[in-house]
Amino acid sequence: MSNMPLNGVYRAVFKANIVMSQSLLQDRFQIRKDQQYITLEKVKLLDKESKIESILTGDSSDIYKKIQEIIISIQ
């Protein structure tokens, strides 16, 4: 699979956050883009510091696949 457009990755993260909120989970996902890579991060909202945990660093296709796995595992 070639690199997926970044807007598709942003939409997938948005959908994952909706699914998590409907499941009453308190974590949310965000992505951070560096020069070459994208990092998928989980933000724990209940912590006072909003602890950020890095889940995966890779290209847009890797991140998209991981987000789809997360959505399927939650539903």
Protein backbone atom coordinates (compact mmCIF):
# COMPACT_ATOMS: atom_id res chain seq x y z
CA MET A 1 0.00 0.00 0.00
CA SER A 2 1.46 3.35 -0.94
CA ASN A 3 1.41 6.34 1.36
CA MET A 4 -2.13 7.34 2.18
CA PRO A 5 -3.04 11.04 1.98
CA LEU A 6 -2.70 12.69 5.36
CA ASN A 7 -6.32 13.91 5.37
CA GLY A 8 -7.44 10.24 5.35
CA VAL A 9 -5.33 9.62 8.43
CA TYR A 10 -6.81 12.68 10.18
CA ARG A 11 -10.33 11.42 9.38
CA ALA A 12 -9.50 7.97 10.75
CA VAL A 13 -8.19 9.49 14.01
CA PHE A 14 -11.36 11.58 14.26
CA LYS A 15 -13.50 8.47 13.77
CA ALA A 16 -11.46 6.55 16.37
CA ASN A 17 -12.03 9.35 18.88
CA ILE A 18 -15.78 9.27 18.21
CA VAL A 19 -15.87 5.50 18.69
CA MET A 20 -13.90 5.81 21.93
CA SER A 21 -16.20 8.50 23.31
CA GLN A 22 -19.29 6.42 22.44
CA SER A 23 -17.68 3.50 24.28
CA LEU A 24 -17.17 5.78 27.30
CA LEU A 25 -13.40 5.38 27.13
CA GLN A 26 -11.46 8.31 28.52
CA ASP A 27 -8.48 8.15 26.15
CA ARG A 28 -8.18 10.03 22.88
CA PHE A 29 -5.82 9.76 19.94
CA GLN A 30 -3.79 12.42 18.21
CA ILE A 31 -1.11 12.41 15.54
CA ARG A 32 2.10 14.37 15.48
CA LYS A 33 3.94 14.92 12.20
CA ASP A 34 7.72 15.18 12.12
CA GLN A 35 9.90 15.76 9.06
CA GLN A 36 9.69 12.16 7.79
CA TYR A 37 7.36 10.28 10.09
CA ILE A 38 3.96 10.47 11.74
CA THR A 39 3.47 9.41 15.35
CA LEU A 40 0.16 8.10 16.67
CA GLU A 41 -0.25 9.06 20.33
CA LYS A 42 -2.79 8.19 22.99
CA VAL A 43 -3.73 10.99 25.40
CA LYS A 44 -5.04 9.96 28.80
CA LEU A 45 -7.61 12.64 29.62
CA LEU A 46 -8.16 11.70 33.26
CA ASP A 47 -4.56 12.47 34.22
CA LYS A 48 -3.97 16.01 35.42
CA GLU A 49 -1.00 16.29 33.08
CA SER A 50 -2.86 14.65 30.15
CA LYS A 51 -0.20 11.95 29.86
CA ILE A 52 0.75 11.23 26.24
CA GLU A 53 1.77 7.71 25.24
CA SER A 54 3.36 7.06 21.86
CA ILE A 55 1.75 4.06 20.13
CA LEU A 56 3.33 3.89 16.67
CA THR A 57 5.71 5.87 14.51
CA GLY A 58 5.70 5.31 10.76
CA ASP A 59 4.31 6.52 7.47
CA SER A 60 0.68 7.42 6.87
CA SER A 61 -0.25 3.90 5.71
CA ASP A 62 1.14 2.32 8.89
CA ILE A 63 -0.75 4.79 11.07
CA TYR A 64 -3.99 4.29 9.12
CA LYS A 65 -3.78 0.49 9.48
CA LYS A 66 -3.16 0.77 13.23
CA ILE A 67 -6.11 3.14 13.68
CA GLN A 68 -8.38 0.73 11.79
CA GLU A 69 -7.22 -2.11 14.09
CA ILE A 70 -8.01 0.03 17.13
CA ILE A 71 -11.48 0.92 15.84
CA ILE A 72 -12.29 -2.73 15.14
CA SER A 73 -11.06 -3.82 18.58
CA ILE A 74 -13.24 -1.20 20.32
CA GLN A 75 -16.43 -1.93 18.39
